[in-house]
Protein backbone atom coordinates (compact mmCIF):
# COMPACT_ATOMS: atom_id res chain seq x y z
CA UNK A 1 56.94 122.02 117.16
CA UNK A 2 56.37 120.81 113.62
CA UNK A 3 55.85 124.17 111.76
CA UNK A 4 58.91 125.67 110.31
CA UNK A 5 59.43 129.20 108.76
CA UNK A 6 61.00 129.05 105.27
CA UNK A 7 63.37 131.92 105.34
CA UNK A 8 63.33 134.55 102.78
CA UNK A 9 66.51 136.33 103.85
CA UNK A 10 69.66 135.61 105.67
CA UNK A 11 70.44 137.75 108.84
CA UNK A 12 73.62 139.24 107.69
CA UNK A 13 72.32 140.36 104.25
CA UNK A 14 69.65 142.85 105.07
CA UNK A 15 70.28 146.51 104.27
CA UNK A 16 68.39 149.71 104.13
CA UNK A 17 67.41 148.98 100.50
CA UNK A 18 65.26 146.32 102.07
CA UNK A 19 63.23 148.81 104.17
CA UNK A 20 59.31 147.92 103.99
CA UNK A 21 60.00 144.45 103.08
CA UNK A 22 58.33 141.45 105.05
CA UNK A 23 61.16 139.02 105.72
CA UNK A 24 61.39 135.62 107.43
CA UNK A 25 64.64 135.03 109.30
CA UNK A 26 65.89 131.89 111.09
CA UNK A 27 68.76 131.61 113.45
CA UNK A 28 70.13 131.72 117.16
CA UNK A 29 69.58 134.38 119.70
CA UNK A 30 73.00 136.00 120.23
CA UNK A 31 71.59 138.51 122.70
CA UNK A 32 68.24 139.49 124.32
CA UNK A 33 67.60 142.93 126.01
CA UNK A 34 64.25 143.43 127.50
CA UNK A 35 63.04 147.08 128.26
CA UNK A 36 59.59 146.35 129.50
CA UNK A 37 57.49 147.50 126.48
CA UNK A 38 60.26 146.62 124.14
CA UNK A 39 62.47 143.57 123.63
CA UNK A 40 65.48 143.72 121.55
CA UNK A 41 66.91 140.33 120.04
CA UNK A 42 70.23 140.06 118.06
CA UNK A 43 69.61 137.06 115.67
CA UNK A 44 72.46 135.45 114.24
CA UNK A 45 73.08 132.83 111.42
CA UNK A 46 76.13 132.11 109.46
CA UNK A 47 75.97 135.40 107.53
CA UNK A 48 75.95 137.78 110.55
CA UNK A 49 73.47 139.55 112.81
CA UNK A 50 70.25 141.36 112.63
CA UNK A 51 68.37 143.32 115.36
CA UNK A 52 64.83 142.13 115.97
CA UNK A 53 62.51 144.56 117.77
CA UNK A 54 59.34 143.35 119.64
CA UNK A 55 57.19 146.42 120.64
CA UNK A 56 53.77 146.97 122.09
CA UNK A 57 52.01 146.61 118.87
CA UNK A 58 52.31 142.94 118.76
CA UNK A 59 50.00 140.39 120.68
CA UNK A 60 50.76 139.80 124.38
CA UNK A 61 51.38 136.26 123.83
CA UNK A 62 54.26 137.05 121.35
CA UNK A 63 55.78 139.75 123.72
CA UNK A 64 55.74 137.10 126.42
CA UNK A 65 57.56 134.65 124.27
CA UNK A 66 60.09 137.34 123.22
CA UNK A 67 60.74 138.05 126.86
CA UNK A 68 61.57 134.24 127.56
CA UNK A 69 64.18 134.05 124.89
CA UNK A 70 67.76 133.42 126.06
CA UNK A 71 71.13 133.09 124.40
CA UNK A 72 71.24 130.27 121.67
CA UNK A 73 67.57 129.56 121.49
CA UNK A 74 66.89 128.55 117.89
CA UNK A 75 64.04 130.68 116.55
CA UNK A 76 62.20 131.81 113.39
CA UNK A 77 60.92 135.41 112.89
CA UNK A 78 58.62 137.23 110.53
CA UNK A 79 58.75 141.01 110.39
CA UNK A 80 59.00 144.21 108.59
CA UNK A 81 62.42 145.94 107.87
CA UNK A 82 62.64 149.45 109.30
CA UNK A 83 65.28 152.09 109.33
CA UNK A 84 67.06 151.97 112.57
CA UNK A 85 66.74 155.26 114.55
CA UNK A 86 70.06 154.52 116.62
CA UNK A 87 72.44 153.10 113.94
CA UNK A 88 75.15 150.72 114.97
CA UNK A 89 78.19 151.07 112.67
CA UNK A 90 79.85 147.88 113.96
CA UNK A 91 77.88 145.56 111.84
CA UNK A 92 76.74 145.51 108.30
CA UNK A 93 73.11 145.52 109.14
CA UNK A 94 73.47 148.33 111.58
CA UNK A 95 71.20 150.68 109.50
CA UNK A 96 68.11 148.48 109.76
CA UNK A 97 66.18 146.50 112.28
CA UNK A 98 63.23 144.12 111.92
CA UNK A 99 59.83 144.84 113.68
CA UNK A 100 58.67 141.31 114.46
CA UNK A 101 55.03 140.21 113.60
CA UNK A 102 55.35 136.56 114.44
CA UNK A 103 58.09 134.04 115.94
CA UNK A 104 58.38 130.36 116.45
CA UNK A 105 60.82 128.91 119.20
CA UNK A 106 62.22 125.95 117.49
CA UNK A 107 64.23 124.83 120.67
CA UNK A 108 65.40 126.23 123.95
CA UNK A 109 69.05 126.19 124.90
CA UNK A 110 70.93 125.84 128.12
CA UNK A 111 73.49 128.43 129.10
CA UNK A 112 76.38 127.62 126.60
CA UNK A 113 79.82 126.54 128.16
CA UNK A 114 81.53 128.94 125.84
CA UNK A 115 80.71 132.49 124.51
CA UNK A 116 79.64 132.54 120.89
CA UNK A 117 81.63 135.55 119.89
CA UNK A 118 84.90 135.88 117.97
CA UNK A 119 86.90 137.50 120.70
CA UNK A 120 85.79 135.14 123.46
CA UNK A 121 89.42 134.24 124.63
CA UNK A 122 88.11 130.75 125.54
CA UNK A 123 90.75 128.10 126.14
CA UNK A 124 91.16 126.07 122.95
CA UNK A 125 90.43 122.75 124.68
CA UNK A 126 86.93 124.02 125.46
CA UNK A 127 86.46 125.34 121.99
CA UNK A 128 87.32 121.78 120.51
CA UNK A 129 85.21 119.98 122.98
CA UNK A 130 82.22 122.25 121.91
CA UNK A 131 83.16 122.78 118.32
CA UNK A 132 79.53 122.69 117.27
CA UNK A 133 79.09 125.82 119.36
CA UNK A 134 82.42 127.24 118.44
CA UNK A 135 81.54 127.01 114.77
CA UNK A 136 78.38 129.19 115.29
CA UNK A 137 80.88 132.22 115.55
CA UNK A 138 80.82 134.49 112.47
CA UNK A 139 84.63 134.11 112.12
CA UNK A 140 84.50 130.33 112.09
CA UNK A 141 81.64 130.51 109.46
CA UNK A 142 83.64 132.85 107.32
CA UNK A 143 86.61 130.53 107.56
CA UNK A 144 84.48 127.52 106.44
CA UNK A 145 82.89 129.43 103.62
CA UNK A 146 86.30 130.61 102.49
CA UNK A 147 87.62 127.13 102.52
CA UNK A 148 84.74 126.03 100.40
CA UNK A 149 85.61 128.70 97.93
CA UNK A 150 89.20 127.69 97.70
CA UNK A 151 88.06 124.00 96.95
CA UNK A 152 85.59 125.40 94.21
CA UNK A 153 88.18 127.63 92.77
CA UNK A 154 90.43 124.56 92.48
CA UNK A 155 87.86 122.28 90.95
CA UNK A 156 87.00 125.03 88.45
CA UNK A 157 90.54 125.82 87.35
CA UNK A 158 91.75 122.13 87.03
CA UNK A 159 88.56 121.17 85.15
CA UNK A 160 89.05 124.18 82.89
CA UNK A 161 92.47 122.76 82.13
CA UNK A 162 91.64 119.26 81.29
CA UNK A 163 92.06 117.51 84.74
CA UNK A 164 89.79 114.69 85.79
CA UNK A 165 89.00 114.19 89.42
CA UNK A 166 89.52 110.68 90.38
CA UNK A 167 89.10 109.15 93.83
CA UNK A 168 91.89 106.84 95.15
CA UNK A 169 91.37 104.23 97.73
CA UNK A 170 91.67 105.03 101.56
CA UNK A 171 92.55 101.35 102.48
CA UNK A 172 95.87 100.68 101.09
CA UNK A 173 99.17 98.72 101.69
CA UNK A 174 101.45 100.28 104.14
CA UNK A 175 104.47 101.72 102.37
CA UNK A 176 107.45 103.86 103.66
CA UNK A 177 106.84 107.56 103.03
CA UNK A 178 108.64 109.33 105.88
CA UNK A 179 106.00 109.26 108.67
CA UNK A 180 104.38 106.50 110.52
CA UNK A 181 101.27 104.94 109.02
CA UNK A 182 97.81 104.86 110.66
CA UNK A 183 96.98 100.97 110.45
CA UNK A 184 93.66 99.35 109.97
CA UNK A 185 93.42 95.68 111.04
CA UNK A 186 91.62 93.31 108.68
CA UNK A 187 88.87 91.08 109.88
CA UNK A 188 88.93 88.75 106.97
CA UNK A 189 92.64 88.29 106.87
CA UNK A 190 93.56 88.29 110.53
CA UNK A 191 97.20 89.32 111.20
CA UNK A 192 97.23 91.72 108.14
CA UNK A 193 96.62 95.39 108.18
CA UNK A 194 95.53 98.33 105.75
CA UNK A 195 97.20 101.56 106.08
CA UNK A 196 95.47 104.89 105.69
CA UNK A 197 97.31 106.77 102.91
CA UNK A 198 99.83 109.35 103.72
CA UNK A 199 99.32 110.60 100.16
CA UNK A 200 97.83 108.98 96.90
CA UNK A 201 101.41 109.01 95.48
CA UNK A 202 101.60 105.57 93.81
CA UNK A 203 97.95 105.40 92.94
CA UNK A 204 98.19 108.77 90.97
CA UNK A 205 101.33 107.38 89.08
CA UNK A 206 99.22 104.29 88.18
CA UNK A 207 96.64 106.66 86.87
CA UNK A 208 99.34 108.18 84.64
CA UNK A 209 100.13 104.65 83.52
CA UNK A 210 96.50 103.95 82.80
CA UNK A 211 96.15 106.94 80.42
CA UNK A 212 94.27 109.55 82.67
CA UNK A 213 96.75 112.17 81.49
CA UNK A 214 95.75 115.06 84.00
CA UNK A 215 94.41 113.87 87.29
CA UNK A 216 93.49 115.80 90.49
CA UNK A 217 91.74 115.04 93.67
CA UNK A 218 90.91 117.00 96.95
CA UNK A 219 91.89 114.11 99.16
CA UNK A 220 92.15 113.14 102.91
CA UNK A 221 95.63 111.98 103.96
CA UNK A 222 96.87 110.67 107.30
CA UNK A 223 100.18 110.71 108.95
CA UNK A 224 100.99 109.62 112.48
CA UNK A 225 103.37 112.21 113.54
CA UNK A 226 104.07 114.72 116.28
CA UNK A 227 101.60 117.71 115.97
CA UNK A 228 102.02 121.41 115.78
CA UNK A 229 100.22 124.59 114.63
CA UNK A 230 100.28 123.58 110.89
CA UNK A 231 99.98 119.66 111.25
CA UNK A 232 97.07 117.35 112.04
CA UNK A 233 97.03 113.46 111.91
CA UNK A 234 94.41 113.73 109.07
CA UNK A 235 94.68 116.70 106.63
CA UNK A 236 93.59 117.64 103.14
CA UNK A 237 95.56 117.77 99.97
CA UNK A 238 94.75 119.27 96.55
CA UNK A 239 96.61 116.44 94.60
CA UNK A 240 97.35 116.37 91.03
CA UNK A 241 99.40 114.64 88.27
CA UNK A 242 100.17 115.27 84.66
CA UNK A 243 101.60 113.13 81.84
CA UNK A 244 104.16 114.26 79.14
CA UNK A 245 105.54 117.18 81.08
CA UNK A 246 108.54 118.52 82.68
CA UNK A 247 109.04 120.74 85.79
CA UNK A 248 108.32 123.99 83.99
CA UNK A 249 105.04 122.75 82.71
CA UNK A 250 103.91 121.78 86.22
CA UNK A 251 105.09 125.24 87.71
CA UNK A 252 103.36 127.16 84.84
CA UNK A 253 100.16 125.44 85.51
CA UNK A 254 100.36 126.00 89.37
CA UNK A 255 101.16 129.68 88.88
CA UNK A 256 98.00 130.00 86.75
CA UNK A 257 95.92 128.37 89.56
CA UNK A 258 97.44 130.55 92.31
CA UNK A 259 97.02 133.66 90.12
CA UNK A 260 93.32 132.77 89.85
CA UNK A 261 92.73 131.81 93.41
CA UNK A 262 94.50 135.23 94.74
CA UNK A 263 92.30 137.25 92.42
CA UNK A 264 88.96 135.61 92.99
CA UNK A 265 89.25 135.21 96.74
CA UNK A 266 91.60 137.98 97.71
CA UNK A 267 91.14 140.47 94.93
CA UNK A 268 94.96 140.55 94.60
CA UNK A 269 96.84 140.58 91.42
CA UNK A 270 100.01 138.70 91.84
CA UNK A 271 102.85 138.71 89.45
CA UNK A 272 104.00 135.56 87.69
CA UNK A 273 106.36 133.97 87.09
CA UNK A 274 107.26 133.69 90.73
CA UNK A 275 110.83 133.94 91.79
CA UNK A 276 112.88 130.66 91.89
CA UNK A 277 115.63 129.81 94.44
CA UNK A 278 117.69 126.59 94.34
CA UNK A 279 117.67 124.63 97.56
CA UNK A 280 121.30 125.49 98.11
CA UNK A 281 120.71 129.30 97.65
CA UNK A 282 117.55 129.22 99.91
CA UNK A 283 119.71 127.45 102.84
CA UNK A 284 122.74 129.83 102.16
CA UNK A 285 120.53 132.97 102.52
CA UNK A 286 117.73 132.07 104.74
CA UNK A 287 118.70 128.78 106.54
CA UNK A 288 115.42 127.27 105.42
CA UNK A 289 114.07 125.44 102.36
CA UNK A 290 110.83 127.40 102.92
CA UNK A 291 112.16 130.89 103.24
CA UNK A 292 110.00 133.80 104.28
CA UNK A 293 111.08 136.68 102.03
CA UNK A 294 108.82 139.32 103.42
CA UNK A 295 111.81 140.84 105.22
CA UNK A 296 115.50 140.87 104.93
CA UNK A 297 117.84 139.66 107.73
CA UNK A 298 119.64 137.06 105.56
CA UNK A 299 122.40 134.74 106.71
CA UNK A 300 125.96 135.96 106.12
CA UNK A 301 129.07 133.48 106.03
CA UNK A 302 131.83 134.66 108.29
CA UNK A 303 134.08 131.51 108.03
CA UNK A 304 137.12 133.38 106.60
CA UNK A 305 136.87 136.25 109.07
CA UNK A 306 137.16 134.09 112.17
CA UNK A 307 139.26 130.97 111.09
CA UNK A 308 142.50 132.37 112.90
CA UNK A 309 140.53 134.17 115.74
CA UNK A 310 140.98 133.35 119.53
CA UNK A 311 137.71 132.15 120.16
CA UNK A 312 137.93 128.35 120.22
CA UNK A 313 134.18 127.78 119.56
CA UNK A 314 134.45 129.35 116.18
CA UNK A 315 137.78 127.78 115.17
CA UNK A 316 136.81 124.21 116.37
CA UNK A 317 133.61 124.34 114.48
CA UNK A 318 135.50 125.10 111.28
CA UNK A 319 138.09 122.50 111.82
CA UNK A 320 135.29 119.90 112.22
CA UNK A 321 133.86 120.93 108.81
CA UNK A 322 131.22 123.36 110.11
CA UNK A 323 130.11 126.86 109.63
CA UNK A 324 130.16 130.30 111.26
CA UNK A 325 127.15 132.35 110.15
CA UNK A 326 125.43 135.46 111.45
CA UNK A 327 122.45 137.81 110.79
CA UNK A 328 122.16 141.49 111.41
CA UNK A 329 118.92 142.88 113.24
CA UNK A 330 118.22 146.40 112.33
CA UNK A 331 117.93 148.46 115.51
CA UNK A 332 118.33 145.47 117.51
CA UNK A 333 121.08 147.16 119.96
CA UNK A 334 118.31 148.89 121.85
CA UNK A 335 115.53 146.47 121.30
CA UNK A 336 117.23 143.32 122.77
CA UNK A 337 118.26 143.39 126.31
CA UNK A 338 120.18 140.97 128.18
CA UNK A 339 117.16 139.13 129.41
CA UNK A 340 115.58 138.87 125.87
CA UNK A 341 119.00 137.53 124.58
CA UNK A 342 119.05 135.09 127.21
CA UNK A 343 115.58 133.84 126.30
CA UNK A 344 116.45 133.56 122.55
CA UNK A 345 119.62 131.68 123.57
CA UNK A 346 117.60 129.12 125.46
CA UNK A 347 115.13 128.73 122.77
CA UNK A 348 117.98 128.20 120.07
CA UNK A 349 119.10 125.15 121.98
CA UNK A 350 116.08 123.41 120.70
CA UNK A 351 117.64 123.64 117.23
CA UNK A 352 120.86 122.15 118.46
CA UNK A 353 122.79 125.39 118.95
CA UNK A 354 125.02 125.36 121.94
CA UNK A 355 124.67 129.21 122.37
CA UNK A 356 124.27 132.44 120.47
CA UNK A 357 127.11 134.91 120.17
CA UNK A 358 125.90 138.52 119.87
CA UNK A 359 127.50 141.92 118.86
CA UNK A 360 126.06 145.37 119.37
CA UNK A 361 127.14 148.47 117.53
CA UNK A 362 126.45 151.50 119.71
CA UNK A 363 128.01 154.99 120.07
CA UNK A 364 130.54 153.92 117.36
CA UNK A 365 131.76 151.09 119.71
CA UNK A 366 131.23 147.46 119.63
CA UNK A 367 129.98 145.31 122.67
CA UNK A 368 129.78 141.62 122.47
CA UNK A 369 129.31 138.43 124.39
CA UNK A 370 132.77 137.29 123.32
CA UNK A 371 134.44 140.76 123.34
CA UNK A 372 137.49 139.46 125.32
CA UNK A 373 138.45 137.24 122.38
CA UNK A 374 138.12 139.94 119.73
CA UNK A 375 139.69 143.36 119.14
CA UNK A 376 137.39 146.28 118.23
CA UNK A 377 138.87 146.10 114.67
CA UNK A 378 138.06 142.51 114.38
CA UNK A 379 134.35 143.02 115.69
CA UNK A 380 134.22 146.11 113.29
CA UNK A 381 135.19 143.54 110.33
CA UNK A 382 132.50 141.12 111.32
CA UNK A 383 129.81 143.75 111.45
CA UNK A 384 130.96 145.21 108.15
CA UNK A 385 130.54 141.93 106.50
CA UNK A 386 126.99 141.79 107.95
CA UNK A 387 126.28 145.25 106.72
CA UNK A 388 125.40 146.50 110.30
CA UNK A 389 124.82 150.18 110.92
CA UNK A 390 124.86 152.15 114.27
CA UNK A 391 122.26 150.73 116.66
CA UNK A 392 122.16 147.30 114.97
CA UNK A 393 122.86 144.06 116.49
CA UNK A 394 124.29 140.62 115.21
CA UNK A 395 123.66 137.11 116.21
CA UNK A 396 126.23 134.46 115.27
CA UNK A 397 125.86 130.66 115.43
CA UNK A 398 128.80 128.22 114.94
CA UNK A 399 128.23 124.46 114.51
CA UNK A 400 127.54 121.74 111.91
CA UNK A 401 125.84 123.35 108.84
CA UNK A 402 122.53 121.85 109.66
CA UNK A 403 122.52 123.25 113.15
CA UNK A 404 123.50 126.67 111.89
CA UNK A 405 120.90 126.78 109.12
CA UNK A 406 118.17 125.42 111.49
CA UNK A 407 119.01 127.89 114.27
CA UNK A 408 119.35 131.06 112.06
CA UNK A 409 116.49 130.00 110.02
CA UNK A 410 114.31 129.96 113.11
CA UNK A 411 115.94 132.96 114.66
CA UNK A 412 115.60 135.37 111.78
CA UNK A 413 111.76 134.72 111.53
CA UNK A 414 111.39 134.81 115.30
CA UNK A 415 112.97 138.14 115.40
CA UNK A 416 110.96 139.40 112.47
CA UNK A 417 107.83 138.53 114.34
CA UNK A 418 108.97 140.18 117.52
CA UNK A 419 109.77 143.28 115.49
CA UNK A 420 106.47 143.54 113.71
CA UNK A 421 108.11 142.81 110.22
CA UNK A 422 105.54 139.95 109.34
CA UNK A 423 102.60 141.49 107.38
CA UNK A 424 99.74 138.90 106.89
CA UNK A 425 98.49 141.05 104.00
CA UNK A 426 101.56 140.56 102.10
CA UNK A 427 101.82 137.30 99.98
CA UNK A 428 105.29 136.35 98.80
CA UNK A 429 105.10 133.19 96.49
CA UNK A 430 108.38 131.61 95.43
CA UNK A 431 109.60 128.30 94.17
CA UNK A 432 112.31 126.33 95.63
CA UNK A 433 113.97 123.98 93.14
CA UNK A 434 116.95 121.54 92.66
CA UNK A 435 116.58 119.81 95.98
CA UNK A 436 119.14 117.13 96.95
CA UNK A 437 118.10 113.77 95.78
CA UNK A 438 119.30 112.19 99.03
CA UNK A 439 120.06 113.17 102.69
CA UNK A 440 121.37 111.19 105.63
CA UNK A 441 119.25 110.43 108.69
CA UNK A 442 120.50 110.69 112.14
CA UNK A 443 122.19 107.19 111.88
CA UNK A 444 123.99 108.34 108.93
CA UNK A 445 121.82 106.21 106.52
CA UNK A 446 120.96 107.35 103.17
CA UNK A 447 117.29 108.09 102.42
CA UNK A 448 115.44 109.99 99.69
CA UNK A 449 114.73 113.50 100.69
CA UNK A 450 111.22 113.39 99.02
CA UNK A 451 110.46 109.87 98.09
CA UNK A 452 112.10 107.09 96.04
CA UNK A 453 109.88 107.78 93.02
CA UNK A 454 111.51 111.35 92.43
CA UNK A 455 113.62 111.52 89.40
CA UNK A 456 117.15 112.86 89.85
CA UNK A 457 118.53 115.39 87.45
CA UNK A 458 119.11 113.23 84.32
CA UNK A 459 122.43 115.05 83.49
CA UNK A 460 123.86 114.09 86.81
CA UNK A 461 123.11 110.21 86.76
CA UNK A 462 126.73 109.79 86.63
CA UNK A 463 126.91 110.57 90.40
CA UNK A 464 124.85 107.30 90.99
CA UNK A 465 127.85 105.46 89.82
CA UNK A 466 130.78 107.48 91.23
CA UNK A 467 129.24 107.44 94.69
CA UNK A 468 128.86 111.19 94.96
CA UNK A 469 125.13 110.67 96.06
CA UNK A 470 124.58 113.55 98.46
CA UNK A 471 125.57 116.06 95.58
CA UNK A 472 123.07 114.46 93.33
CA UNK A 473 120.08 116.95 92.79
CA UNK A 474 116.51 115.86 92.24
CA UNK A 475 113.90 117.17 89.69
CA UNK A 476 111.91 118.37 92.71
CA UNK A 477 110.17 121.74 93.48
CA UNK A 478 108.26 123.23 96.50
CA UNK A 479 105.91 126.09 96.18
CA UNK A 480 106.39 128.42 99.43
CA UNK A 481 104.31 131.18 100.80
CA UNK A 482 105.59 133.47 103.63
CA UNK A 483 107.79 130.91 105.19
CA UNK A 484 105.34 127.94 104.77
CA UNK A 485 105.60 125.15 102.44
CA UNK A 486 102.14 125.38 100.38
CA UNK A 487 102.93 122.28 98.29
CA UNK A 488 105.66 120.16 96.96
CA UNK A 489 106.06 117.78 94.04
CA UNK A 490 108.58 116.45 91.47
CA UNK A 491 109.09 114.86 88.14
CA UNK A 492 108.67 111.10 88.73
CA UNK A 493 110.86 108.26 87.60
CA UNK A 494 109.06 106.55 84.65
CA UNK A 495 111.89 104.34 83.61
CA UNK A 496 111.82 100.93 85.26
CA UNK A 497 115.56 100.38 84.97
CA UNK A 498 116.22 103.97 86.75
CA UNK A 499 113.50 103.16 89.41
CA UNK A 500 115.37 99.72 90.14
CA UNK A 501 118.69 101.63 90.46
CA UNK A 502 117.25 104.01 92.87
CA UNK A 503 115.88 101.18 95.11
CA UNK A 504 119.48 99.71 94.91
CA UNK A 505 121.11 102.90 95.97
CA UNK A 506 118.61 103.09 98.87
CA UNK A 507 119.68 99.72 100.04
CA UNK A 508 116.53 97.79 99.25
CA UNK A 509 116.63 94.26 98.16
CA UNK A 510 114.53 92.88 95.28
CA UNK A 511 112.28 91.20 97.91
CA UNK A 512 111.84 94.34 99.84
CA UNK A 513 111.02 96.31 96.54
CA UNK A 514 108.54 93.60 95.52
CA UNK A 515 106.97 93.54 98.94
CA UNK A 516 106.70 97.33 99.21
CA UNK A 517 106.19 98.57 95.68
CA UNK A 518 105.58 95.46 93.56
CA UNK A 519 102.26 96.69 92.01
CA UNK A 520 104.00 99.90 90.83
CA UNK A 521 106.97 98.10 89.51
CA UNK A 522 104.81 95.71 87.62
CA UNK A 523 102.74 98.50 86.02
CA UNK A 524 106.02 100.25 84.84
CA UNK A 525 106.53 97.21 82.62
CA UNK A 526 103.72 98.27 80.32
CA UNK A 527 104.81 101.66 79.01
CA UNK A 528 104.80 104.33 81.68
CA UNK A 529 104.60 107.91 80.23
CA UNK A 530 106.95 110.65 81.59
CA UNK A 531 104.95 112.29 84.49
CA UNK A 532 105.09 114.81 87.20
CA UNK A 533 103.00 116.28 89.81
CA UNK A 534 102.37 118.25 92.88
CA UNK A 535 100.24 118.27 96.06
CA UNK A 536 99.15 121.39 97.98
CA UNK A 537 98.21 121.30 101.78
CA UNK A 538 94.81 122.69 101.65
CA UNK A 539 94.74 123.46 105.33
CA UNK A 540 97.77 125.47 105.38
CA UNK A 541 96.73 127.20 102.20
CA UNK A 542 93.41 128.42 103.76
CA UNK A 543 95.24 129.22 106.99
CA UNK A 544 97.80 131.52 105.26
CA UNK A 545 95.24 133.21 103.09
CA UNK A 546 92.96 134.09 106.06
CA UNK A 547 95.98 135.09 108.33
CA UNK A 548 95.29 132.55 110.85
CA UNK A 549 98.17 131.10 113.01
CA UNK A 550 96.78 127.48 113.30
CA UNK A 551 95.21 125.11 110.77
CA UNK A 552 92.82 123.98 113.55
CA UNK A 553 91.00 127.46 112.71
CA UNK A 554 90.16 126.33 109.29
CA UNK A 555 89.17 122.65 109.94
CA UNK A 556 85.64 121.93 111.07
CA UNK A 557 86.50 119.33 113.56
CA UNK A 558 90.30 119.33 114.18
CA UNK A 559 92.33 117.10 116.60
CA UNK A 560 94.13 118.77 119.51
CA UNK A 561 97.72 118.47 120.10
CA UNK A 562 97.47 114.92 121.44
CA UNK A 563 95.67 113.77 118.12
CA UNK A 564 92.45 113.59 120.07
CA UNK A 565 89.03 114.58 118.84
CA UNK A 566 87.53 116.20 121.87
CA UNK A 567 83.93 116.22 120.44
CA UNK A 568 83.63 112.58 119.85
CA UNK A 569 86.35 111.54 122.35
CA UNK A 570 88.27 109.70 119.78
CA UNK A 571 90.36 107.56 119.88
CA UNK A 572 88.50 105.37 122.28
CA UNK A 573 88.72 101.87 123.79
CA UNK A 574 86.71 99.01 121.97
CA UNK A 575 85.10 96.07 123.38
CA UNK A 576 86.71 92.85 123.69
CA UNK A 577 84.30 91.18 121.08
CA UNK A 578 85.54 93.63 118.39
CA UNK A 579 89.16 92.77 119.27
CA UNK A 580 88.34 89.04 119.11
CA UNK A 581 87.01 89.31 115.58
CA UNK A 582 90.10 91.07 114.49
CA UNK A 583 92.43 88.58 116.13
CA UNK A 584 93.92 91.31 118.28
CA UNK A 585 95.05 91.40 122.04
CA UNK A 586 95.64 94.76 123.41
CA UNK A 587 98.18 94.97 126.28
CA UNK A 588 97.18 98.27 127.88
CA UNK A 589 95.70 99.05 131.39
CA UNK A 590 92.27 99.61 129.90
CA UNK A 591 92.18 96.20 128.73
CA UNK A 592 93.66 94.36 131.87
């Protein structure tokens, strides 16, 4: 079939005001209902559905063609818009129908392996395998359109504010940035590898040295890490950098962008400036450096109340320098049965906790999993500290601070979800600032919490000399939305001597610095301006604004939990000739 109808309208855009118009629509058959002398077809494109009616007034050949239609046939239809006698209030076009006068069947379709409807409840692996069918759903088309509008808003805003979009290389040198690199072997220099960028960090700093002044880029990044709902091996950032600015300048610029984004795409006026929490305050109150502030249930320190108690789990944790903290769950006494508590306790072990202590206040009495170690008066004192009322419940964790924070940070949000306290239509933005400059890994080795190019607070540089490194704060900041890190950035080190000192503190030799960062160190010899930047996770941003639970819902062709593309079956085995050209021998069962 060589003929193609040039459409005049989209299916989801027709309204009663179009009555009497001749229209041409192209799309897929969502449903066909044949009633003998009448055939009804729901025609779908990316904008929605319109009912097409074939009646006895049309030629017999056209009626036969209409009766032959099946789901997902690709067709074009000419017809006249009429007011619909039996209106359908479930769709925007429910007041009209199109009486067909002609039709082209572009291609037939086999029975699709998944239903093309939003509430199909199909297993995600099937959806990802047949993603090109899954994307025909109206919801998925809306998600892709919304994502497009986010990127357009970003480009418009940053262009209006003097930013220049610059592309940075995809094939770069492997550098330590926290996650494993994806490596690309070189054919012309066998034994050497490119890495796919985890971020454009060093190149955007080079652009500041180059005088670009204000840079941004919507860029693919790659990290070989364990996956979850808000992670993918390849993801997209809105990346930016600015010269001759400080933290406040970057934050002000980003609040302007987010204010514009929320107004244009969600029609929501958000108040700026956003609240700011120091990293320490965020951890103390919420147990997380990306706190969800849509609800209360804040952490409360109980150390002084239990330091002399008879419960050894608490006292031993304090003797070892740990913490005892709790949260109060409003109405939790009735809502959390022993079975539910046991399930939460088991899940808490994934965060390092050895268990959860609970206290309930019911009928003026206190019941607890550790009541034999505490008097009613002692339990009352703890519950008073937690500001518990009749019918409330407390959960308490004691351990190293990290375990306590991780466990209660997870638990407060888990409980809020179970109790219906998470409103997807509420958008709580906040900044977390003053992060620690360094942290220790599991082996006790010092590492940069963000990256080694982050500038420490200049008024605390003396801590580099006196060895008080874990108390040194960084000029780093994260933008958080509803418990998710939306983006993060920092003021960068632009002084070559301070950068050299930072590498020294991290235990990098001159040779290692030159090997890993030599080109950046060289550039800093020639007049680097003060600069700072930030990168947003575009996928996460779109996910949150749409109220989705997974970034796979806002990426056209995402990977599954095993980092596989089920459409193209990547990653795949390559033939021996390709490996020989690269000088690579693979020792796996597929190549034996």
